[in-house]
Amino acid sequence: ITLRGLNFNGQERNMCIVLNGFLVTIDRCTIQNG
């Protein structure tokens, strides 16, 4: 799984990213308010 250049916003009530995977790349992302 590759996530690139994305913004994830949990709105202060949700988890942002849950990845039950084996090879994970998170590149140039913003993860906020999770």
ModelCIF file with pLDDT and N, C-alpha, C, O atoms, coordinates in Angstrom:
data_MODEL
#
_entry.id   MODEL 
#
_entity.id                         1 
_entity.type                       polymer 
_entity.pdbx_number_of_molecules   1 
#
_entity_poly.entity_id                      1 
_entity_poly.type                           'polypeptide(L)' 
_entity_poly.nstd_linkage                   no 
_entity_poly.nstd_monomer                   no 
_entity_poly.pdbx_seq_one_letter_code       ITLRGLNFNGQERNMCIVLNGFLVTIDRCTIQNG 
_entity_poly.pdbx_seq_one_letter_code_can   ITLRGLNFNGQERNMCIVLNGFLVTIDRCTIQNG 
_entity_poly.pdbx_strand_id                 A 
#
loop_
_entity_poly_seq.entity_id 
_entity_poly_seq.num 
_entity_poly_seq.mon_id 
_entity_poly_seq.hetero 
1 1  ILE n 
1 2  THR n 
1 3  LEU n 
1 4  ARG n 
1 5  GLY n 
1 6  LEU n 
1 7  ASN n 
1 8  PHE n 
1 9  ASN n 
1 10 GLY n 
1 11 GLN n 
1 12 GLU n 
1 13 ARG n 
1 14 ASN n 
1 15 MET n 
1 16 CYS n 
1 17 ILE n 
1 18 VAL n 
1 19 LEU n 
1 20 ASN n 
1 21 GLY n 
1 22 PHE n 
1 23 LEU n 
1 24 VAL n 
1 25 THR n 
1 26 ILE n 
1 27 ASP n 
1 28 ARG n 
1 29 CYS n 
1 30 THR n 
1 31 ILE n 
1 32 GLN n 
1 33 ASN n 
1 34 GLY n 
#
_struct_asym.id          A 
_struct_asym.entity_id   1 
#
loop_
_ma_qa_metric.id 
_ma_qa_metric.mode 
_ma_qa_metric.name 
_ma_qa_metric.software_group_id 
_ma_qa_metric.type 
1 global pLDDT . pLDDT 
2 local  pLDDT . pLDDT 
#
_ma_qa_metric_global.metric_id      1 
_ma_qa_metric_global.metric_value   85.59 
_ma_qa_metric_global.model_id       1 
_ma_qa_metric_global.ordinal_id     1 
#
loop_
_ma_qa_metric_local.label_asym_id 
_ma_qa_metric_local.label_comp_id 
_ma_qa_metric_local.label_seq_id 
_ma_qa_metric_local.metric_id 
_ma_qa_metric_local.metric_value 
_ma_qa_metric_local.model_id 
_ma_qa_metric_local.ordinal_id 
A ILE 1  2 86.00 1 1  
A THR 2  2 92.00 1 2  
A LEU 3  2 93.00 1 3  
A ARG 4  2 96.00 1 4  
A GLY 5  2 96.00 1 5  
A LEU 6  2 95.00 1 6  
A ASN 7  2 94.00 1 7  
A PHE 8  2 90.00 1 8  
A ASN 9  2 89.00 1 9  
A GLY 10 2 85.00 1 10 
A GLN 11 2 82.00 1 11 
A GLU 12 2 78.00 1 12 
A ARG 13 2 75.00 1 13 
A ASN 14 2 78.00 1 14 
A MET 15 2 78.00 1 15 
A CYS 16 2 78.00 1 16 
A ILE 17 2 80.00 1 17 
A VAL 18 2 77.00 1 18 
A LEU 19 2 76.00 1 19 
A ASN 20 2 70.00 1 20 
A GLY 21 2 66.00 1 21 
A PHE 22 2 70.00 1 22 
A LEU 23 2 83.00 1 23 
A VAL 24 2 85.00 1 24 
A THR 25 2 91.00 1 25 
A ILE 26 2 92.00 1 26 
A ASP 27 2 96.00 1 27 
A ARG 28 2 96.00 1 28 
A CYS 29 2 95.00 1 29 
A THR 30 2 94.00 1 30 
A ILE 31 2 91.00 1 31 
A GLN 32 2 90.00 1 32 
A ASN 33 2 88.00 1 33 
A GLY 34 2 85.00 1 34 
#
loop_
_atom_site.group_PDB 
_atom_site.id 
_atom_site.type_symbol 
_atom_site.label_atom_id 
_atom_site.label_alt_id 
_atom_site.label_comp_id 
_atom_site.label_asym_id 
_atom_site.label_entity_id 
_atom_site.label_seq_id 
_atom_site.pdbx_PDB_ins_code 
_atom_site.Cartn_x 
_atom_site.Cartn_y 
_atom_site.Cartn_z 
_atom_site.occupancy 
_atom_site.B_iso_or_equiv 
_atom_site.pdbx_formal_charge 
_atom_site.auth_seq_id 
_atom_site.auth_comp_id 
_atom_site.auth_asym_id 
_atom_site.auth_atom_id 
_atom_site.pdbx_PDB_model_num 
ATOM 1   N N  . ILE A 1 1  ? 0.855   -1.175 0.000  1.00 86.00 ? 1  ILE A N  1 
ATOM 2   C CA . ILE A 1 1  ? 0.000   0.000  0.000  1.00 86.00 ? 1  ILE A CA 1 
ATOM 3   C C  . ILE A 1 1  ? 0.893   1.227  0.000  1.00 86.00 ? 1  ILE A C  1 
ATOM 4   O O  . ILE A 1 1  ? 1.774   1.355  0.850  1.00 86.00 ? 1  ILE A O  1 
ATOM 5   N N  . THR A 1 2  ? 0.672   2.139  -0.956 1.00 92.00 ? 2  THR A N  1 
ATOM 6   C CA . THR A 1 2  ? 1.404   3.399  -0.995 1.00 92.00 ? 2  THR A CA 1 
ATOM 7   C C  . THR A 1 2  ? 0.399   4.535  -1.021 1.00 92.00 ? 2  THR A C  1 
ATOM 8   O O  . THR A 1 2  ? -0.497  4.574  -1.864 1.00 92.00 ? 2  THR A O  1 
ATOM 9   N N  . LEU A 1 3  ? 0.562   5.466  -0.077 1.00 93.00 ? 3  LEU A N  1 
ATOM 10  C CA . LEU A 1 3  ? -0.241  6.676  -0.018 1.00 93.00 ? 3  LEU A CA 1 
ATOM 11  C C  . LEU A 1 3  ? 0.718   7.835  -0.230 1.00 93.00 ? 3  LEU A C  1 
ATOM 12  O O  . LEU A 1 3  ? 1.691   7.971  0.512  1.00 93.00 ? 3  LEU A O  1 
ATOM 13  N N  . ARG A 1 4  ? 0.464   8.670  -1.226 1.00 96.00 ? 4  ARG A N  1 
ATOM 14  C CA . ARG A 1 4  ? 1.439   9.705  -1.570 1.00 96.00 ? 4  ARG A CA 1 
ATOM 15  C C  . ARG A 1 4  ? 0.739   11.042 -1.843 1.00 96.00 ? 4  ARG A C  1 
ATOM 16  O O  . ARG A 1 4  ? -0.157  11.138 -2.682 1.00 96.00 ? 4  ARG A O  1 
ATOM 17  N N  . GLY A 1 5  ? 1.181   12.077 -1.098 1.00 96.00 ? 5  GLY A N  1 
ATOM 18  C CA . GLY A 1 5  ? 0.708   13.430 -1.363 1.00 96.00 ? 5  GLY A CA 1 
ATOM 19  C C  . GLY A 1 5  ? -0.717  13.712 -0.927 1.00 96.00 ? 5  GLY A C  1 
ATOM 20  O O  . GLY A 1 5  ? -1.363  14.599 -1.486 1.00 96.00 ? 5  GLY A O  1 
ATOM 21  N N  . LEU A 1 6  ? -1.224  12.984 0.054  1.00 95.00 ? 6  LEU A N  1 
ATOM 22  C CA . LEU A 1 6  ? -2.619  13.121 0.480  1.00 95.00 ? 6  LEU A CA 1 
ATOM 23  C C  . LEU A 1 6  ? -2.713  13.701 1.888  1.00 95.00 ? 6  LEU A C  1 
ATOM 24  O O  . LEU A 1 6  ? -1.784  13.561 2.684  1.00 95.00 ? 6  LEU A O  1 
ATOM 25  N N  . ASN A 1 7  ? -3.835  14.351 2.192  1.00 94.00 ? 7  ASN A N  1 
ATOM 26  C CA . ASN A 1 7  ? -4.127  14.847 3.531  1.00 94.00 ? 7  ASN A CA 1 
ATOM 27  C C  . ASN A 1 7  ? -5.288  14.033 4.090  1.00 94.00 ? 7  ASN A C  1 
ATOM 28  O O  . ASN A 1 7  ? -6.334  13.907 3.455  1.00 94.00 ? 7  ASN A O  1 
ATOM 29  N N  . PHE A 1 8  ? -5.089  13.480 5.291  1.00 90.00 ? 8  PHE A N  1 
ATOM 30  C CA . PHE A 1 8  ? -6.149  12.725 5.960  1.00 90.00 ? 8  PHE A CA 1 
ATOM 31  C C  . PHE A 1 8  ? -6.567  13.491 7.201  1.00 90.00 ? 8  PHE A C  1 
ATOM 32  O O  . PHE A 1 8  ? -5.723  13.834 8.029  1.00 90.00 ? 8  PHE A O  1 
ATOM 33  N N  . ASN A 1 9  ? -7.867  13.765 7.344  1.00 89.00 ? 9  ASN A N  1 
ATOM 34  C CA . ASN A 1 9  ? -8.361  14.538 8.467  1.00 89.00 ? 9  ASN A CA 1 
ATOM 35  C C  . ASN A 1 9  ? -9.437  13.738 9.188  1.00 89.00 ? 9  ASN A C  1 
ATOM 36  O O  . ASN A 1 9  ? -10.493 13.451 8.624  1.00 89.00 ? 9  ASN A O  1 
ATOM 37  N N  . GLY A 1 10 ? -9.162  13.382 10.437 1.00 85.00 ? 10 GLY A N  1 
ATOM 38  C CA . GLY A 1 10 ? -10.099 12.590 11.228 1.00 85.00 ? 10 GLY A CA 1 
ATOM 39  C C  . GLY A 1 10 ? -11.201 13.386 11.882 1.00 85.00 ? 10 GLY A C  1 
ATOM 40  O O  . GLY A 1 10 ? -12.027 12.817 12.596 1.00 85.00 ? 10 GLY A O  1 
ATOM 41  N N  . GLN A 1 11 ? -11.239 14.693 11.660 1.00 82.00 ? 11 GLN A N  1 
ATOM 42  C CA . GLN A 1 11 ? -12.314 15.548 12.185 1.00 82.00 ? 11 GLN A CA 1 
ATOM 43  C C  . GLN A 1 11 ? -12.417 15.495 13.710 1.00 82.00 ? 11 GLN A C  1 
ATOM 44  O O  . GLN A 1 11 ? -13.480 15.782 14.260 1.00 82.00 ? 11 GLN A O  1 
ATOM 45  N N  . GLU A 1 12 ? -11.340 15.135 14.397 1.00 78.00 ? 12 GLU A N  1 
ATOM 46  C CA . GLU A 1 12 ? -11.284 15.036 15.855 1.00 78.00 ? 12 GLU A CA 1 
ATOM 47  C C  . GLU A 1 12 ? -12.247 14.006 16.437 1.00 78.00 ? 12 GLU A C  1 
ATOM 48  O O  . GLU A 1 12 ? -12.571 14.065 17.624 1.00 78.00 ? 12 GLU A O  1 
ATOM 49  N N  . ARG A 1 13 ? -12.707 13.069 15.620 1.00 75.00 ? 13 ARG A N  1 
ATOM 50  C CA . ARG A 1 13 ? -13.566 12.009 16.149 1.00 75.00 ? 13 ARG A CA 1 
ATOM 51  C C  . ARG A 1 13 ? -13.296 10.653 15.502 1.00 75.00 ? 13 ARG A C  1 
ATOM 52  O O  . ARG A 1 13 ? -13.873 9.650  15.922 1.00 75.00 ? 13 ARG A O  1 
ATOM 53  N N  . ASN A 1 14 ? -12.446 10.603 14.505 1.00 78.00 ? 14 ASN A N  1 
ATOM 54  C CA . ASN A 1 14 ? -12.177 9.353  13.800 1.00 78.00 ? 14 ASN A CA 1 
ATOM 55  C C  . ASN A 1 14 ? -10.681 9.084  13.744 1.00 78.00 ? 14 ASN A C  1 
ATOM 56  O O  . ASN A 1 14 ? -9.871  10.010 13.711 1.00 78.00 ? 14 ASN A O  1 
ATOM 57  N N  . MET A 1 15 ? -10.328 7.808  13.736 1.00 78.00 ? 15 MET A N  1 
ATOM 58  C CA . MET A 1 15 ? -8.952  7.442  13.460 1.00 78.00 ? 15 MET A CA 1 
ATOM 59  C C  . MET A 1 15 ? -8.670  7.790  12.009 1.00 78.00 ? 15 MET A C  1 
ATOM 60  O O  . MET A 1 15 ? -9.556  7.684  11.161 1.00 78.00 ? 15 MET A O  1 
ATOM 61  N N  . CYS A 1 16 ? -7.452  8.202  11.717 1.00 78.00 ? 16 CYS A N  1 
ATOM 62  C CA . CYS A 1 16 ? -7.148  8.594  10.342 1.00 78.00 ? 16 CYS A CA 1 
ATOM 63  C C  . CYS A 1 16 ? -6.815  7.409  9.449  1.00 78.00 ? 16 CYS A C  1 
ATOM 64  O O  . CYS A 1 16 ? -7.492  7.189  8.445  1.00 78.00 ? 16 CYS A O  1 
ATOM 65  N N  . ILE A 1 17 ? -5.783  6.637  9.795  1.00 80.00 ? 17 ILE A N  1 
ATOM 66  C CA . ILE A 1 17 ? -5.343  5.558  8.920  1.00 80.00 ? 17 ILE A CA 1 
ATOM 67  C C  . ILE A 1 17 ? -5.172  4.288  9.733  1.00 80.00 ? 17 ILE A C  1 
ATOM 68  O O  . ILE A 1 17 ? -4.435  4.273  10.719 1.00 80.00 ? 17 ILE A O  1 
ATOM 69  N N  . VAL A 1 18 ? -5.844  3.227  9.328  1.00 77.00 ? 18 VAL A N  1 
ATOM 70  C CA . VAL A 1 18 ? -5.625  1.901  9.887  1.00 77.00 ? 18 VAL A CA 1 
ATOM 71  C C  . VAL A 1 18 ? -5.287  1.006  8.709  1.00 77.00 ? 18 VAL A C  1 
ATOM 72  O O  . VAL A 1 18 ? -6.129  0.764  7.844  1.00 77.00 ? 18 VAL A O  1 
ATOM 73  N N  . LEU A 1 19 ? -4.051  0.513  8.675  1.00 76.00 ? 19 LEU A N  1 
ATOM 74  C CA . LEU A 1 19 ? -3.620  -0.351 7.580  1.00 76.00 ? 19 LEU A CA 1 
ATOM 75  C C  . LEU A 1 19 ? -3.118  -1.658 8.154  1.00 76.00 ? 19 LEU A C  1 
ATOM 76  O O  . LEU A 1 19 ? -2.032  -1.705 8.731  1.00 76.00 ? 19 LEU A O  1 
ATOM 77  N N  . ASN A 1 20 ? -3.881  -2.703 8.006  1.00 70.00 ? 20 ASN A N  1 
ATOM 78  C CA . ASN A 1 20 ? -3.455  -4.030 8.420  1.00 70.00 ? 20 ASN A CA 1 
ATOM 79  C C  . ASN A 1 20 ? -2.796  -4.708 7.230  1.00 70.00 ? 20 ASN A C  1 
ATOM 80  O O  . ASN A 1 20 ? -3.228  -5.776 6.797  1.00 70.00 ? 20 ASN A O  1 
ATOM 81  N N  . GLY A 1 21 ? -1.764  -4.092 6.712  1.00 66.00 ? 21 GLY A N  1 
ATOM 82  C CA . GLY A 1 21 ? -1.060  -4.596 5.543  1.00 66.00 ? 21 GLY A CA 1 
ATOM 83  C C  . GLY A 1 21 ? 0.383   -4.874 5.867  1.00 66.00 ? 21 GLY A C  1 
ATOM 84  O O  . GLY A 1 21 ? 0.833   -4.579 6.974  1.00 66.00 ? 21 GLY A O  1 
ATOM 85  N N  . PHE A 1 22 ? 1.110   -5.424 4.944  1.00 70.00 ? 22 PHE A N  1 
ATOM 86  C CA . PHE A 1 22 ? 2.481   -5.831 5.227  1.00 70.00 ? 22 PHE A CA 1 
ATOM 87  C C  . PHE A 1 22 ? 3.525   -4.851 4.723  1.00 70.00 ? 22 PHE A C  1 
ATOM 88  O O  . PHE A 1 22 ? 4.532   -4.651 5.403  1.00 70.00 ? 22 PHE A O  1 
ATOM 89  N N  . LEU A 1 23 ? 3.341   -4.243 3.589  1.00 83.00 ? 23 LEU A N  1 
ATOM 90  C CA . LEU A 1 23 ? 4.303   -3.288 3.046  1.00 83.00 ? 23 LEU A CA 1 
ATOM 91  C C  . LEU A 1 23 ? 3.594   -1.957 2.878  1.00 83.00 ? 23 LEU A C  1 
ATOM 92  O O  . LEU A 1 23 ? 2.771   -1.798 1.976  1.00 83.00 ? 23 LEU A O  1 
ATOM 93  N N  . VAL A 1 24 ? 3.909   -0.997 3.745  1.00 85.00 ? 24 VAL A N  1 
ATOM 94  C CA . VAL A 1 24 ? 3.179   0.258  3.784  1.00 85.00 ? 24 VAL A CA 1 
ATOM 95  C C  . VAL A 1 24 ? 4.143   1.421  3.567  1.00 85.00 ? 24 VAL A C  1 
ATOM 96  O O  . VAL A 1 24 ? 5.153   1.529  4.262  1.00 85.00 ? 24 VAL A O  1 
ATOM 97  N N  . THR A 1 25 ? 3.833   2.293  2.601  1.00 91.00 ? 25 THR A N  1 
ATOM 98  C CA . THR A 1 25 ? 4.587   3.518  2.390  1.00 91.00 ? 25 THR A CA 1 
ATOM 99  C C  . THR A 1 25 ? 3.625   4.690  2.481  1.00 91.00 ? 25 THR A C  1 
ATOM 100 O O  . THR A 1 25 ? 2.633   4.755  1.755  1.00 91.00 ? 25 THR A O  1 
ATOM 101 N N  . ILE A 1 26 ? 3.931   5.619  3.384  1.00 92.00 ? 26 ILE A N  1 
ATOM 102 C CA . ILE A 1 26 ? 3.180   6.862  3.513  1.00 92.00 ? 26 ILE A CA 1 
ATOM 103 C C  . ILE A 1 26 ? 4.165   7.968  3.212  1.00 92.00 ? 26 ILE A C  1 
ATOM 104 O O  . ILE A 1 26 ? 5.079   8.222  3.997  1.00 92.00 ? 26 ILE A O  1 
ATOM 105 N N  . ASP A 1 27 ? 3.984   8.632  2.073  1.00 96.00 ? 27 ASP A N  1 
ATOM 106 C CA . ASP A 1 27 ? 4.963   9.568  1.543  1.00 96.00 ? 27 ASP A CA 1 
ATOM 107 C C  . ASP A 1 27 ? 4.320   10.925 1.269  1.00 96.00 ? 27 ASP A C  1 
ATOM 108 O O  . ASP A 1 27 ? 3.333   11.011 0.538  1.00 96.00 ? 27 ASP A O  1 
ATOM 109 N N  . ARG A 1 28 ? 4.874   11.972 1.849  1.00 96.00 ? 28 ARG A N  1 
ATOM 110 C CA . ARG A 1 28 ? 4.404   13.339 1.641  1.00 96.00 ? 28 ARG A CA 1 
ATOM 111 C C  . ARG A 1 28 ? 2.929   13.507 1.961  1.00 96.00 ? 28 ARG A C  1 
ATOM 112 O O  . ARG A 1 28 ? 2.202   14.193 1.243  1.00 96.00 ? 28 ARG A O  1 
ATOM 113 N N  . CYS A 1 29 ? 2.489   12.872 3.050  1.00 95.00 ? 29 CYS A N  1 
ATOM 114 C CA . CYS A 1 29 ? 1.103   12.965 3.487  1.00 95.00 ? 29 CYS A CA 1 
ATOM 115 C C  . CYS A 1 29 ? 1.009   13.796 4.762  1.00 95.00 ? 29 CYS A C  1 
ATOM 116 O O  . CYS A 1 29 ? 1.993   13.948 5.487  1.00 95.00 ? 29 CYS A O  1 
ATOM 117 N N  . THR A 1 30 ? -0.169  14.325 5.027  1.00 94.00 ? 30 THR A N  1 
ATOM 118 C CA . THR A 1 30 ? -0.481  14.980 6.288  1.00 94.00 ? 30 THR A CA 1 
ATOM 119 C C  . THR A 1 30 ? -1.607  14.192 6.937  1.00 94.00 ? 30 THR A C  1 
ATOM 120 O O  . THR A 1 30 ? -2.654  13.963 6.331  1.00 94.00 ? 30 THR A O  1 
ATOM 121 N N  . ILE A 1 31 ? -1.378  13.783 8.173  1.00 91.00 ? 31 ILE A N  1 
ATOM 122 C CA . ILE A 1 31 ? -2.371  13.034 8.940  1.00 91.00 ? 31 ILE A CA 1 
ATOM 123 C C  . ILE A 1 31 ? -2.700  13.907 10.135 1.00 91.00 ? 31 ILE A C  1 
ATOM 124 O O  . ILE A 1 31 ? -1.835  14.165 10.972 1.00 91.00 ? 31 ILE A O  1 
ATOM 125 N N  . GLN A 1 32 ? -3.949  14.367 10.224 1.00 90.00 ? 32 GLN A N  1 
ATOM 126 C CA . GLN A 1 32 ? -4.272  15.310 11.298 1.00 90.00 ? 32 GLN A CA 1 
ATOM 127 C C  . GLN A 1 32 ? -5.639  15.067 11.894 1.00 90.00 ? 32 GLN A C  1 
ATOM 128 O O  . GLN A 1 32 ? -6.532  14.499 11.266 1.00 90.00 ? 32 GLN A O  1 
ATOM 129 N N  . ASN A 1 33 ? -5.771  15.520 13.142 1.00 88.00 ? 33 ASN A N  1 
ATOM 130 C CA . ASN A 1 33 ? -7.031  15.486 13.886 1.00 88.00 ? 33 ASN A CA 1 
ATOM 131 C C  . ASN A 1 33 ? -7.623  14.089 14.009 1.00 88.00 ? 33 ASN A C  1 
ATOM 132 O O  . ASN A 1 33 ? -8.844  13.931 14.002 1.00 88.00 ? 33 ASN A O  1 
ATOM 133 N N  . GLY A 1 34 ? -6.772  13.078 14.119 1.00 85.00 ? 34 GLY A N  1 
ATOM 134 C CA . GLY A 1 34 ? -7.250  11.715 14.295 1.00 85.00 ? 34 GLY A CA 1 
ATOM 135 C C  . GLY A 1 34 ? -7.471  11.406 15.765 1.00 85.00 ? 34 GLY A C  1 
ATOM 136 O O  . GLY A 1 34 ? -7.876  10.296 16.109 1.00 85.00 ? 34 GLY A O  1 
#
